[in-house]
C-alpha atoms as a PDB file:
ATOM      1  CA  GLN A   1       8.697  14.622 -10.998  1.00  0.00           C
ATOM      2  CA  VAL A   2       5.680  12.292 -10.944  1.00  0.00           C
ATOM      3  CA  GLN A   3       2.740  12.319  -8.592  1.00  0.00           C
ATOM      4  CA  LEU A   4       0.383   9.403  -7.970  1.00  0.00           C
ATOM      5  CA  VAL A   5      -3.005  10.156  -6.442  1.00  0.00           C
ATOM      6  CA  GLU A   6      -5.285   7.377  -5.216  1.00  0.00           C
ATOM      7  CA  SER A   7      -9.041   7.626  -4.869  1.00  0.00           C
ATOM      8  CA  GLY A   8     -12.040   5.404  -4.257  1.00  0.00           C
ATOM      9  CA  GLY A   9     -11.357   4.140  -0.776  1.00  0.00           C
ATOM     10  CA  GLY A  10     -13.990   3.991   1.905  1.00  0.00           C
ATOM     11  CA  LEU A  11     -16.162   1.770   4.061  1.00  0.00           C
ATOM     12  CA  VAL A  12     -17.768  -1.298   2.531  1.00  0.00           C
ATOM     13  CA  ARG A  13     -19.584  -4.353   3.886  1.00  0.00           C
ATOM     14  CA  PRO A  14     -18.167  -7.874   3.664  1.00  0.00           C
ATOM     15  CA  GLU A  15     -18.861  -9.411   0.241  1.00  0.00           C
ATOM     16  CA  GLY A  16     -19.235  -5.913  -1.136  1.00  0.00           C
ATOM     17  CA  SER A  17     -17.224  -4.239  -3.874  1.00  0.00           C
ATOM     18  CA  LEU A  18     -15.056  -1.187  -4.218  1.00  0.00           C
ATOM     19  CA  ARG A  19     -13.089   0.310  -7.082  1.00  0.00           C
ATOM     20  CA  LEU A  20      -9.825   2.143  -6.511  1.00  0.00           C
ATOM     21  CA  SER A  21      -8.198   4.468  -9.003  1.00  0.00           C
ATOM     22  CA  CYS A  22      -4.729   5.932  -9.254  1.00  0.00           C
ATOM     23  CA  ALA A  23      -3.874   8.792 -11.583  1.00  0.00           C
ATOM     24  CA  ALA A  24      -0.291   9.613 -12.492  1.00  0.00           C
ATOM     25  CA  SER A  25       0.742  13.108 -13.496  1.00  0.00           C
ATOM     26  CA  GLY A  26       3.977  14.796 -14.474  1.00  0.00           C
ATOM     27  CA  SER A  27       6.460  14.690 -17.323  1.00  0.00           C
ATOM     28  CA  ILE A  28       5.913  11.017 -18.022  1.00  0.00           C
ATOM     29  CA  PHE A  29       7.947   9.430 -20.777  1.00  0.00           C
ATOM     30  CA  SER A  30       6.752   5.879 -20.276  1.00  0.00           C
ATOM     31  CA  ILE A  31       4.885   3.795 -17.736  1.00  0.00           C
ATOM     32  CA  TYR A  32       6.486   0.373 -17.524  1.00  0.00           C
ATOM     33  CA  ALA A  33       4.212  -0.997 -14.823  1.00  0.00           C
ATOM     34  CA  MET A  34       1.638   0.157 -12.307  1.00  0.00           C
ATOM     35  CA  GLY A  35       0.252  -1.721  -9.378  1.00  0.00           C
ATOM     36  CA  TRP A  36      -1.113  -1.777  -5.882  1.00  0.00           C
ATOM     37  CA  TYR A  37       0.221  -2.583  -2.438  1.00  0.00           C
ATOM     38  CA  ARG A  38      -1.533  -2.504   0.904  1.00  0.00           C
ATOM     39  CA  GLN A  39      -0.633  -2.190   4.552  1.00  0.00           C
ATOM     40  CA  ALA A  40      -2.817  -3.114   7.500  1.00  0.00           C
ATOM     41  CA  PRO A  41      -2.160  -1.759  11.010  1.00  0.00           C
ATOM     42  CA  GLY A  42       0.732  -3.598  12.615  1.00  0.00           C
ATOM     43  CA  LYS A  43       1.589  -5.434   9.410  1.00  0.00           C
ATOM     44  CA  GLN A  44       4.195  -5.079   6.695  1.00  0.00           C
ATOM     45  CA  ARG A  45       3.245  -3.563   3.376  1.00  0.00           C
ATOM     46  CA  GLU A  46       2.387  -6.322   0.927  1.00  0.00           C
ATOM     47  CA  PHE A  47       2.010  -6.695  -2.805  1.00  0.00           C
ATOM     48  CA  VAL A  48      -1.527  -6.869  -4.183  1.00  0.00           C
ATOM     49  CA  ALA A  49      -1.525  -6.621  -7.980  1.00  0.00           C
ATOM     50  CA  VAL A  50       0.466  -5.254 -10.913  1.00  0.00           C
ATOM     51  CA  MET A  51       0.111  -4.738 -14.648  1.00  0.00           C
ATOM     52  CA  THR A  52       3.082  -4.236 -16.956  1.00  0.00           C
ATOM     53  CA  ASP A  53       3.194  -2.068 -20.066  1.00  0.00           C
ATOM     54  CA  GLY A  54       2.702  -5.253 -22.072  1.00  0.00           C
ATOM     55  CA  GLY A  55      -0.542  -6.044 -20.282  1.00  0.00           C
ATOM     56  CA  ILE A  56       0.830  -8.846 -18.129  1.00  0.00           C
ATOM     57  CA  THR A  57      -0.848  -9.044 -14.744  1.00  0.00           C
ATOM     58  CA  ASN A  58       0.110 -10.641 -11.471  1.00  0.00           C
ATOM     59  CA  TYR A  59      -1.848 -10.957  -8.239  1.00  0.00           C
ATOM     60  CA  ALA A  60      -1.182 -11.920  -4.681  1.00  0.00           C
ATOM     61  CA  ASP A  61      -2.662 -15.309  -3.864  1.00  0.00           C
ATOM     62  CA  SER A  62      -4.895 -13.721  -1.252  1.00  0.00           C
ATOM     63  CA  VAL A  63      -6.762 -11.647  -3.855  1.00  0.00           C
ATOM     64  CA  LYS A  64      -6.779 -13.898  -6.921  1.00  0.00           C
ATOM     65  CA  GLY A  65     -10.266 -14.360  -8.291  1.00  0.00           C
ATOM     66  CA  ARG A  66     -11.576 -11.380  -6.348  1.00  0.00           C
ATOM     67  CA  PHE A  67      -9.522  -8.386  -7.498  1.00  0.00           C
ATOM     68  CA  THR A  68      -8.936  -7.195 -11.045  1.00  0.00           C
ATOM     69  CA  ILE A  69      -6.347  -4.653 -12.117  1.00  0.00           C
ATOM     70  CA  SER A  70      -6.755  -2.550 -15.240  1.00  0.00           C
ATOM     71  CA  ARG A  71      -4.969   0.388 -16.816  1.00  0.00           C
ATOM     72  CA  ASP A  72      -5.748   3.268 -19.139  1.00  0.00           C
ATOM     73  CA  ASN A  73      -2.440   4.315 -20.686  1.00  0.00           C
ATOM     74  CA  ALA A  74      -3.885   7.420 -22.338  1.00  0.00           C
ATOM     75  CA  LYS A  75      -5.059   8.689 -18.966  1.00  0.00           C
ATOM     76  CA  ALA A  76      -2.060   7.337 -17.050  1.00  0.00           C
ATOM     77  CA  THR A  77      -4.496   5.683 -14.678  1.00  0.00           C
ATOM     78  CA  VAL A  78      -4.577   2.287 -13.013  1.00  0.00           C
ATOM     79  CA  ASN A  79      -7.662   0.813 -11.364  1.00  0.00           C
ATOM     80  CA  LEU A  80      -8.287  -1.970  -8.905  1.00  0.00           C
ATOM     81  CA  GLN A  81     -11.724  -3.539  -8.905  1.00  0.00           C
ATOM     82  CA  MET A  82     -12.196  -5.308  -5.580  1.00  0.00           C
ATOM     83  CA  ASN A  83     -15.045  -7.792  -5.261  1.00  0.00           C
ATOM     84  CA  SER A  84     -16.078 -10.208  -2.523  1.00  0.00           C
ATOM     85  CA  LEU A  85     -14.289  -8.075   0.012  1.00  0.00           C
ATOM     86  CA  LYS A  86     -13.326  -9.553   3.358  1.00  0.00           C
ATOM     87  CA  PRO A  87     -12.509  -7.885   6.682  1.00  0.00           C
ATOM     88  CA  GLU A  88      -8.897  -8.961   6.204  1.00  0.00           C
ATOM     89  CA  ASP A  89      -8.750  -6.751   3.111  1.00  0.00           C
ATOM     90  CA  THR A  90      -8.923  -3.740   5.415  1.00  0.00           C
ATOM     91  CA  ALA A  91      -5.775  -1.691   4.863  1.00  0.00           C
ATOM     92  CA  VAL A  92      -4.331   1.431   3.382  1.00  0.00           C
ATOM     93  CA  TYR A  93      -3.904   0.783  -0.330  1.00  0.00           C
ATOM     94  CA  TYR A  94      -0.947   2.369  -2.093  1.00  0.00           C
ATOM     95  CA  CYS A  95      -0.494   2.931  -5.788  1.00  0.00           C
ATOM     96  CA  ASN A  96       2.930   2.121  -7.218  1.00  0.00           C
ATOM     97  CA  GLY A  97       4.358   3.024 -10.592  1.00  0.00           C
ATOM     98  CA  ASP A  98       7.502   2.005 -12.472  1.00  0.00           C
ATOM     99  CA  ILE A  99       7.733   5.180 -14.519  1.00  0.00           C
ATOM    100  CA  GLY A 100      10.197   6.860 -16.839  1.00  0.00           C
ATOM    101  CA  VAL A 101      10.252  10.654 -16.656  1.00  0.00           C
ATOM    102  CA  PHE A 102      11.631  13.057 -19.277  1.00  0.00           C
ATOM    103  CA  GLY A 103      15.137  14.019 -18.256  1.00  0.00           C
ATOM    104  CA  ARG A 104      15.018  12.118 -14.968  1.00  0.00           C
ATOM    105  CA  GLY A 105      15.159   8.434 -15.828  1.00  0.00           C
ATOM    106  CA  ARG A 106      13.169   5.497 -14.573  1.00  0.00           C
ATOM    107  CA  ARG A 107      12.208   4.819 -10.963  1.00  0.00           C
ATOM    108  CA  ASP A 108       9.430   3.727  -8.630  1.00  0.00           C
ATOM    109  CA  TYR A 109       6.831   6.236  -7.464  1.00  0.00           C
ATOM    110  CA  TRP A 110       4.317   5.887  -4.663  1.00  0.00           C
ATOM    111  CA  GLY A 111       1.007   7.485  -3.828  1.00  0.00           C
ATOM    112  CA  GLN A 112      -0.016   8.575  -0.349  1.00  0.00           C
ATOM    113  CA  GLY A 113      -2.549   5.781   0.024  1.00  0.00           C
ATOM    114  CA  THR A 114      -6.293   5.435   0.402  1.00  0.00           C
ATOM    115  CA  GLN A 115      -8.065   3.722   3.286  1.00  0.00           C
ATOM    116  CA  VAL A 116     -10.239   0.684   2.615  1.00  0.00           C
ATOM    117  CA  THR A 117     -12.303  -0.604   5.521  1.00  0.00           C
ATOM    118  CA  VAL A 118     -14.375  -3.775   5.223  1.00  0.00           C
ATOM    119  CA  SER A 119     -16.805  -4.048   8.103  1.00  0.00           C
ATOM    120  CA  SER A 120     -20.448  -4.700   8.826  1.00  0.00           C
END
């Protein structure tokens, strides 16, 4: 089994910055991709950013130029640097991993989420 634990959420002012981290643990054979999704109250969960094992990144249009995803394979950790934050970025942010596990195969894993609130 694999566990994903997010950290770094909190309250930040508009135009401020916040850095989220997600650490994966378990019998990990390979991490094919890790990324972030978010869900605001009353809205559907939406894609934010992803990085593949080959270093290819993709971002939602709403965060391009403001958010940067990075990954530390040795630490099985993915980060999301969020700059120029807007109130509409307020949401619970979820870590997602496309992960292969020894003896269990490859599947998606999800963290429990971390709250990000952008408000003055």
